[in-house]
PDB file of N, CA and C in Angstrom:
ATOM      1  N   MET A   1      23.755 -10.526 -30.848  1.00  0.00           N
ATOM      2  CA  MET A   1      22.925  -9.333 -30.852  1.00  0.00           C
ATOM      3  C   MET A   1      21.451  -9.693 -30.821  1.00  0.00           C
ATOM      4  N   LYS A   2      21.144 -10.899 -31.119  1.00  0.00           N
ATOM      5  CA  LYS A   2      19.764 -11.346 -31.176  1.00  0.00           C
ATOM      6  C   LYS A   2      19.100 -11.338 -29.807  1.00  0.00           C
ATOM      7  N   PHE A   3      19.877 -11.514 -28.751  1.00  0.00           N
ATOM      8  CA  PHE A   3      19.317 -11.587 -27.409  1.00  0.00           C
ATOM      9  C   PHE A   3      19.248 -10.226 -26.704  1.00  0.00           C
ATOM     10  N   LYS A   4      19.696  -9.184 -27.339  1.00  0.00           N
ATOM     11  CA  LYS A   4      19.716  -7.878 -26.702  1.00  0.00           C
ATOM     12  C   LYS A   4      18.309  -7.413 -26.268  1.00  0.00           C
ATOM     13  N   PRO A   5      17.278  -7.502 -27.101  1.00  0.00           N
ATOM     14  CA  PRO A   5      15.945  -7.096 -26.647  1.00  0.00           C
ATOM     15  C   PRO A   5      15.466  -7.930 -25.459  1.00  0.00           C
ATOM     16  N   LEU A   6      15.773  -9.194 -25.446  1.00  0.00           N
ATOM     17  CA  LEU A   6      15.371 -10.054 -24.337  1.00  0.00           C
ATOM     18  C   LEU A   6      16.085  -9.637 -23.053  1.00  0.00           C
ATOM     19  N   LYS A   7      17.366  -9.331 -23.143  1.00  0.00           N
ATOM     20  CA  LYS A   7      18.112  -8.885 -21.967  1.00  0.00           C
ATOM     21  C   LYS A   7      17.555  -7.569 -21.441  1.00  0.00           C
ATOM     22  N   CYS A   8      17.216  -6.655 -22.334  1.00  0.00           N
ATOM     23  CA  CYS A   8      16.644  -5.375 -21.908  1.00  0.00           C
ATOM     24  C   CYS A   8      15.304  -5.596 -21.210  1.00  0.00           C
ATOM     25  N   PHE A   9      14.486  -6.473 -21.768  1.00  0.00           N
ATOM     26  CA  PHE A   9      13.187  -6.769 -21.161  1.00  0.00           C
ATOM     27  C   PHE A   9      13.367  -7.377 -19.777  1.00  0.00           C
ATOM     28  N   LEU A  10      14.266  -8.320 -19.635  1.00  0.00           N
ATOM     29  CA  LEU A  10      14.497  -8.950 -18.334  1.00  0.00           C
ATOM     30  C   LEU A  10      15.029  -7.949 -17.313  1.00  0.00           C
ATOM     31  N   LEU A  11      15.911  -7.065 -17.747  1.00  0.00           N
ATOM     32  CA  LEU A  11      16.440  -6.048 -16.840  1.00  0.00           C
ATOM     33  C   LEU A  11      15.324  -5.110 -16.385  1.00  0.00           C
ATOM     34  N   LEU A  12      14.497  -4.671 -17.302  1.00  0.00           N
ATOM     35  CA  LEU A  12      13.365  -3.807 -16.949  1.00  0.00           C
ATOM     36  C   LEU A  12      12.417  -4.527 -15.999  1.00  0.00           C
ATOM     37  N   TYR A  13      12.127  -5.779 -16.252  1.00  0.00           N
ATOM     38  CA  TYR A  13      11.251  -6.576 -15.390  1.00  0.00           C
ATOM     39  C   TYR A  13      11.829  -6.671 -13.971  1.00  0.00           C
ATOM     40  N   LEU A  14      13.110  -6.927 -13.847  1.00  0.00           N
ATOM     41  CA  LEU A  14      13.737  -7.023 -12.528  1.00  0.00           C
ATOM     42  C   LEU A  14      13.706  -5.689 -11.779  1.00  0.00           C
ATOM     43  N   ILE A  15      13.920  -4.604 -12.497  1.00  0.00           N
ATOM     44  CA  ILE A  15      13.873  -3.283 -11.859  1.00  0.00           C
ATOM     45  C   ILE A  15      12.468  -2.990 -11.358  1.00  0.00           C
ATOM     46  N   LEU A  16      11.457  -3.259 -12.178  1.00  0.00           N
ATOM     47  CA  LEU A  16      10.074  -3.021 -11.769  1.00  0.00           C
ATOM     48  C   LEU A  16       9.682  -3.924 -10.602  1.00  0.00           C
ATOM     49  N   PHE A  17      10.108  -5.173 -10.634  1.00  0.00           N
ATOM     50  CA  PHE A  17       9.799  -6.091  -9.539  1.00  0.00           C
ATOM     51  C   PHE A  17      10.457  -5.622  -8.246  1.00  0.00           C
ATOM     52  N   ALA A  18      11.684  -5.158  -8.316  1.00  0.00           N
ATOM     53  CA  ALA A  18      12.379  -4.680  -7.124  1.00  0.00           C
ATOM     54  C   ALA A  18      11.678  -3.448  -6.551  1.00  0.00           C
ATOM     55  N   ALA A  19      11.232  -2.563  -7.417  1.00  0.00           N
ATOM     56  CA  ALA A  19      10.519  -1.370  -6.951  1.00  0.00           C
ATOM     57  C   ALA A  19       9.199  -1.765  -6.300  1.00  0.00           C
ATOM     58  N   TRP A  20       8.489  -2.715  -6.873  1.00  0.00           N
ATOM     59  CA  TRP A  20       7.212  -3.165  -6.322  1.00  0.00           C
ATOM     60  C   TRP A  20       7.425  -3.876  -4.988  1.00  0.00           C
ATOM     61  N   ALA A  21       8.459  -4.669  -4.883  1.00  0.00           N
ATOM     62  CA  ALA A  21       8.706  -5.444  -3.670  1.00  0.00           C
ATOM     63  C   ALA A  21       9.026  -4.546  -2.475  1.00  0.00           C
ATOM     64  N   LYS A  22       9.546  -3.371  -2.713  1.00  0.00           N
ATOM     65  CA  LYS A  22       9.911  -2.473  -1.628  1.00  0.00           C
ATOM     66  C   LYS A  22       8.760  -1.590  -1.163  1.00  0.00           C
ATOM     67  N   ALA A  23       7.621  -1.657  -1.833  1.00  0.00           N
ATOM     68  CA  ALA A  23       6.486  -0.833  -1.435  1.00  0.00           C
ATOM     69  C   ALA A  23       5.954  -1.306  -0.084  1.00  0.00           C
ATOM     70  N   ALA A  24       5.703  -0.363   0.797  1.00  0.00           N
ATOM     71  CA  ALA A  24       5.223  -0.683   2.136  1.00  0.00           C
ATOM     72  C   ALA A  24       3.705  -0.750   2.165  1.00  0.00           C
ATOM     73  N   VAL A  25       3.174  -1.477   3.128  1.00  0.00           N
ATOM     74  CA  VAL A  25       1.736  -1.611   3.328  1.00  0.00           C
ATOM     75  C   VAL A  25       1.440  -1.375   4.804  1.00  0.00           C
ATOM     76  N   ILE A  26       0.393  -0.604   5.056  1.00  0.00           N
ATOM     77  CA  ILE A  26      -0.071  -0.379   6.424  1.00  0.00           C
ATOM     78  C   ILE A  26      -1.469  -0.952   6.541  1.00  0.00           C
ATOM     79  N   THR A  27      -1.692  -1.772   7.561  1.00  0.00           N
ATOM     80  CA  THR A  27      -3.026  -2.309   7.812  1.00  0.00           C
ATOM     81  C   THR A  27      -3.378  -2.065   9.276  1.00  0.00           C
ATOM     82  N   GLY A  28      -4.662  -2.034   9.553  1.00  0.00           N
ATOM     83  CA  GLY A  28      -5.068  -1.832  10.929  1.00  0.00           C
ATOM     84  C   GLY A  28      -6.571  -1.914  11.099  1.00  0.00           C
ATOM     85  N   LYS A  29      -7.024  -1.635  12.306  1.00  0.00           N
ATOM     86  CA  LYS A  29      -8.435  -1.664  12.637  1.00  0.00           C
ATOM     87  C   LYS A  29      -8.745  -0.430  13.474  1.00  0.00           C
ATOM     88  N   VAL A  30      -9.808   0.278  13.115  1.00  0.00           N
ATOM     89  CA  VAL A  30     -10.196   1.489  13.813  1.00  0.00           C
ATOM     90  C   VAL A  30     -11.299   1.136  14.811  1.00  0.00           C
ATOM     91  N   THR A  31     -11.057   1.462  16.083  1.00  0.00           N
ATOM     92  CA  THR A  31     -12.046   1.200  17.133  1.00  0.00           C
ATOM     93  C   THR A  31     -12.243   2.441  17.985  1.00  0.00           C
ATOM     94  N   ASP A  32     -13.394   2.532  18.595  1.00  0.00           N
ATOM     95  CA  ASP A  32     -13.687   3.609  19.533  1.00  0.00           C
ATOM     96  C   ASP A  32     -12.917   3.340  20.817  1.00  0.00           C
ATOM     97  N   ALA A  33     -12.225   4.352  21.323  1.00  0.00           N
ATOM     98  CA  ALA A  33     -11.406   4.171  22.522  1.00  0.00           C
ATOM     99  C   ALA A  33     -12.233   3.816  23.746  1.00  0.00           C
ATOM    100  N   GLY A  34     -13.439   4.346  23.839  1.00  0.00           N
ATOM    101  CA  GLY A  34     -14.262   4.090  25.020  1.00  0.00           C
ATOM    102  C   GLY A  34     -15.036   2.788  24.958  1.00  0.00           C
ATOM    103  N   THR A  35     -15.720   2.561  23.837  1.00  0.00           N
ATOM    104  CA  THR A  35     -16.601   1.389  23.735  1.00  0.00           C
ATOM    105  C   THR A  35     -15.916   0.172  23.129  1.00  0.00           C
ATOM    106  N   LYS A  36     -14.774   0.375  22.503  1.00  0.00           N
ATOM    107  CA  LYS A  36     -14.023  -0.692  21.812  1.00  0.00           C
ATOM    108  C   LYS A  36     -14.781  -1.237  20.597  1.00  0.00           C
ATOM    109  N   GLN A  37     -15.819  -0.541  20.130  1.00  0.00           N
ATOM    110  CA  GLN A  37     -16.545  -0.956  18.934  1.00  0.00           C
ATOM    111  C   GLN A  37     -15.786  -0.490  17.697  1.00  0.00           C
ATOM    112  N   THR A  38     -15.907  -1.274  16.615  1.00  0.00           N
ATOM    113  CA  THR A  38     -15.247  -0.887  15.370  1.00  0.00           C
ATOM    114  C   THR A  38     -15.939   0.326  14.776  1.00  0.00           C
ATOM    115  N   LEU A  39     -15.202   1.071  13.970  1.00  0.00           N
ATOM    116  CA  LEU A  39     -15.727   2.276  13.347  1.00  0.00           C
ATOM    117  C   LEU A  39     -15.713   2.132  11.824  1.00  0.00           C
ATOM    118  N   PRO A  40     -16.784   1.579  11.256  1.00  0.00           N
ATOM    119  CA  PRO A  40     -16.849   1.460   9.804  1.00  0.00           C
ATOM    120  C   PRO A  40     -16.954   2.836   9.142  1.00  0.00           C
ATOM    121  N   GLY A  41     -16.270   2.996   8.024  1.00  0.00           N
ATOM    122  CA  GLY A  41     -16.326   4.248   7.277  1.00  0.00           C
ATOM    123  C   GLY A  41     -15.415   5.339   7.798  1.00  0.00           C
ATOM    124  N   ALA A  42     -14.627   5.055   8.821  1.00  0.00           N
ATOM    125  CA  ALA A  42     -13.671   6.057   9.306  1.00  0.00           C
ATOM    126  C   ALA A  42     -12.614   6.293   8.228  1.00  0.00           C
ATOM    127  N   VAL A  43     -12.159   7.519   8.096  1.00  0.00           N
ATOM    128  CA  VAL A  43     -11.166   7.848   7.070  1.00  0.00           C
ATOM    129  C   VAL A  43      -9.790   7.941   7.718  1.00  0.00           C
ATOM    130  N   ILE A  44      -8.862   7.158   7.180  1.00  0.00           N
ATOM    131  CA  ILE A  44      -7.481   7.150   7.648  1.00  0.00           C
ATOM    132  C   ILE A  44      -6.679   7.961   6.634  1.00  0.00           C
ATOM    133  N   SER A  45      -5.984   8.986   7.095  1.00  0.00           N
ATOM    134  CA  SER A  45      -5.282   9.899   6.188  1.00  0.00           C
ATOM    135  C   SER A  45      -3.798   9.980   6.510  1.00  0.00           C
ATOM    136  N   LEU A  46      -3.017  10.094   5.450  1.00  0.00           N
ATOM    137  CA  LEU A  46      -1.592  10.391   5.536  1.00  0.00           C
ATOM    138  C   LEU A  46      -1.393  11.694   4.761  1.00  0.00           C
ATOM    139  N   PRO A  47      -1.569  12.832   5.421  1.00  0.00           N
ATOM    140  CA  PRO A  47      -1.571  14.121   4.718  1.00  0.00           C
ATOM    141  C   PRO A  47      -0.295  14.420   3.930  1.00  0.00           C
ATOM    142  N   ASP A  48       0.850  14.060   4.466  1.00  0.00           N
ATOM    143  CA  ASP A  48       2.104  14.346   3.756  1.00  0.00           C
ATOM    144  C   ASP A  48       2.186  13.612   2.425  1.00  0.00           C
ATOM    145  N   LEU A  49       1.557  12.443   2.332  1.00  0.00           N
ATOM    146  CA  LEU A  49       1.559  11.668   1.093  1.00  0.00           C
ATOM    147  C   LEU A  49       0.291  11.873   0.284  1.00  0.00           C
ATOM    148  N   ARG A  50      -0.646  12.642   0.843  1.00  0.00           N
ATOM    149  CA  ARG A  50      -1.937  12.893   0.185  1.00  0.00           C
ATOM    150  C   ARG A  50      -2.669  11.598  -0.123  1.00  0.00           C
ATOM    151  N   ILE A  51      -2.723  10.737   0.880  1.00  0.00           N
ATOM    152  CA  ILE A  51      -3.406   9.447   0.753  1.00  0.00           C
ATOM    153  C   ILE A  51      -4.458   9.349   1.846  1.00  0.00           C
ATOM    154  N   SER A  52      -5.649   8.932   1.454  1.00  0.00           N
ATOM    155  CA  SER A  52      -6.727   8.685   2.414  1.00  0.00           C
ATOM    156  C   SER A  52      -7.466   7.425   1.993  1.00  0.00           C
ATOM    157  N   VAL A  53      -7.804   6.589   2.966  1.00  0.00           N
ATOM    158  CA  VAL A  53      -8.592   5.390   2.694  1.00  0.00           C
ATOM    159  C   VAL A  53      -9.665   5.252   3.781  1.00  0.00           C
ATOM    160  N   PRO A  54     -10.829   4.715   3.415  1.00  0.00           N
ATOM    161  CA  PRO A  54     -11.862   4.480   4.421  1.00  0.00           C
ATOM    162  C   PRO A  54     -11.707   3.094   5.033  1.00  0.00           C
ATOM    163  N   SER A  55     -12.176   2.941   6.251  1.00  0.00           N
ATOM    164  CA  SER A  55     -12.205   1.602   6.851  1.00  0.00           C
ATOM    165  C   SER A  55     -13.430   0.862   6.310  1.00  0.00           C
ATOM    166  N   ASP A  56     -13.367  -0.465   6.292  1.00  0.00           N
ATOM    167  CA  ASP A  56     -14.485  -1.261   5.793  1.00  0.00           C
ATOM    168  C   ASP A  56     -15.554  -1.420   6.874  1.00  0.00           C
ATOM    169  N   ASN A  57     -16.538  -2.277   6.622  1.00  0.00           N
ATOM    170  CA  ASN A  57     -17.645  -2.472   7.561  1.00  0.00           C
ATOM    171  C   ASN A  57     -17.207  -3.018   8.916  1.00  0.00           C
ATOM    172  N   ASN A  58     -16.019  -3.612   8.974  1.00  0.00           N
ATOM    173  CA  ASN A  58     -15.502  -4.160  10.228  1.00  0.00           C
ATOM    174  C   ASN A  58     -14.441  -3.261  10.859  1.00  0.00           C
ATOM    175  N   GLY A  59     -14.248  -2.064  10.301  1.00  0.00           N
ATOM    176  CA  GLY A  59     -13.260  -1.135  10.832  1.00  0.00           C
ATOM    177  C   GLY A  59     -11.844  -1.375  10.339  1.00  0.00           C
ATOM    178  N   ASN A  60     -11.653  -2.338   9.442  1.00  0.00           N
ATOM    179  CA  ASN A  60     -10.315  -2.653   8.928  1.00  0.00           C
ATOM    180  C   ASN A  60      -9.955  -1.726   7.772  1.00  0.00           C
ATOM    181  N   TYR A  61      -8.665  -1.443   7.651  1.00  0.00           N
ATOM    182  CA  TYR A  61      -8.187  -0.642   6.525  1.00  0.00           C
ATOM    183  C   TYR A  61      -6.835  -1.167   6.065  1.00  0.00           C
ATOM    184  N   THR A  62      -6.524  -0.883   4.788  1.00  0.00           N
ATOM    185  CA  THR A  62      -5.233  -1.231   4.192  1.00  0.00           C
ATOM    186  C   THR A  62      -4.806  -0.070   3.308  1.00  0.00           C
ATOM    187  N   ILE A  63      -3.585   0.383   3.506  1.00  0.00           N
ATOM    188  CA  ILE A  63      -2.994   1.395   2.657  1.00  0.00           C
ATOM    189  C   ILE A  63      -1.824   0.734   1.945  1.00  0.00           C
ATOM    190  N   LYS A  64      -1.925   0.643   0.620  1.00  0.00           N
ATOM    191  CA  LYS A  64      -0.904  -0.042  -0.187  1.00  0.00           C
ATOM    192  C   LYS A  64      -0.115   0.943  -1.019  1.00  0.00           C
ATOM    193  N   GLY A  65       1.019   0.471  -1.519  1.00  0.00           N
ATOM    194  CA  GLY A  65       1.821   1.239  -2.454  1.00  0.00           C
ATOM    195  C   GLY A  65       2.580   2.401  -1.855  1.00  0.00           C
ATOM    196  N   LEU A  66       2.888   2.315  -0.590  1.00  0.00           N
ATOM    197  CA  LEU A  66       3.643   3.374   0.067  1.00  0.00           C
ATOM    198  C   LEU A  66       5.129   3.216  -0.224  1.00  0.00           C
ATOM    199  N   PRO A  67       5.834   4.316  -0.342  1.00  0.00           N
ATOM    200  CA  PRO A  67       7.282   4.204  -0.513  1.00  0.00           C
ATOM    201  C   PRO A  67       7.905   3.620   0.742  1.00  0.00           C
ATOM    202  N   SER A  68       8.966   2.858   0.578  1.00  0.00           N
ATOM    203  CA  SER A  68       9.590   2.203   1.728  1.00  0.00           C
ATOM    204  C   SER A  68      10.306   3.189   2.631  1.00  0.00           C
ATOM    205  N   LYS A  69      10.703   4.333   2.125  1.00  0.00           N
ATOM    206  CA  LYS A  69      11.341   5.375   2.944  1.00  0.00           C
ATOM    207  C   LYS A  69      10.815   6.712   2.547  1.00  0.00           C
TER     208      LYS A  69
END
């Protein structure tokens, strides 16, 4: 019975790790279609998930923590 708290902790840790490992990530670069120049500060939105992120100074963006499905 002494190891029961340790087993519970390990089980919880594995469940949390599995949930974290399945999180999806979207990355990309925003450019102007005509000039091919990057667009810093452009806002990338996923309205259904209520997530918005801005692009950085080089037009790059990363959206983390998305559900896998």
